[in-house]
Amino acid sequence: MALRVVASVLDQEAAEQIQLQIEYDPEPPFVGGTPFTARPEIIDRCTRAGAERRSVREAAVREAASRLASDGSARGSSR
């Protein structure tokens, strides 16, 4: 039901992308609940979205690691 709402509010491709990302396949409302049955353009859309999210996460991790490293060196020098 929720995937049908997404399809009506956004579009069917968005609903199919969500369906694929959660690998909803007991009785999916759209063909493509797994990478084996999804349309190639939906797989590509998921792959691109995942790469974008991964890029954001990697930048956040680098920033956090940098802050931790500089905090650690500051604490270490005050001993």
Foldseek 3Di string as FASTA:
>chain_A
DVLVVCCVVPRNLVSLLVLAVVLDDPPDPDFHSYPVTHDPVSVVVNVVVVVVVVVVVVVVVVVVVVVVVVVVVVVVVVD
